[in-house]
Amino acid sequence: MACKVERVCERRGLPTLTERLAERRTETDASLRALERFFNREVLAAAMRAAGMELLEDEAANVYRLLTDEDVSHAARTEARDRLTRAGVDVDAVEQDFVTYGTIRTHLRECAGIETGRASTVDAAAVRDTVFKLVGRTEAVTERELARLADREDFDAGDLTVSLTARVACETCGEEYGLRRLLERGGCGCGESQT
């Protein structure tokens, strides 16, 4: 019995998509989440083409973002769904065909024989990038929510800008640092006190 990835590919007329998934994993080391997005965008694009929609470059990727991204407003998501429905796309059926990264992992391991584990390569630059992306996102979400609150009559504020700082305290040596400084110096004061 075929897995969900294979069933969807067959139903949507995407005979080479499983090969392209495997190729992206083995040749570019694409993450499972990136493969999930790639697969789902291809499924959406196939449904849009089947309904007779002409797709501009990256249009399916943008529509997929409108349908699935947490940061998209309810109005924008509804507008995207309505546009697809008017064009003849069964949006609910397409969304039923979307897969998770876990489904991609299962397909790669069990159907394609591809190892999906990754060696952990953590370094200061990777930690910095990950944390500061999260901090930036938190700042943006906070600014957006404050702007929404400022639209109410019971909250009086001008044009607010949010700035968050990541601070790290070591419970062993008692030192406290900004995250950037901690990463630049290669750790806290624990190593210095042992020399």
Foldseek 3Di string as FASTA:
>chain_A
DDALLVVLCVVLVNVCLLVVLLCCCVPVVDALQVSLLVSLLVLQVSLCVVLVHDDDPCRSVVLVCLCDPPPHDPVSNVVSVVVCVVSPGPVVVSVVSRDHSVSVCCCCCPVVVDDNDDDDDDALVVVVVVVVVVQVVVQVVVQVVVVVVCVDPVDPDDRDGDDDWAKDADPPVGDIDTSVVCRVVVHDCPVVVVD
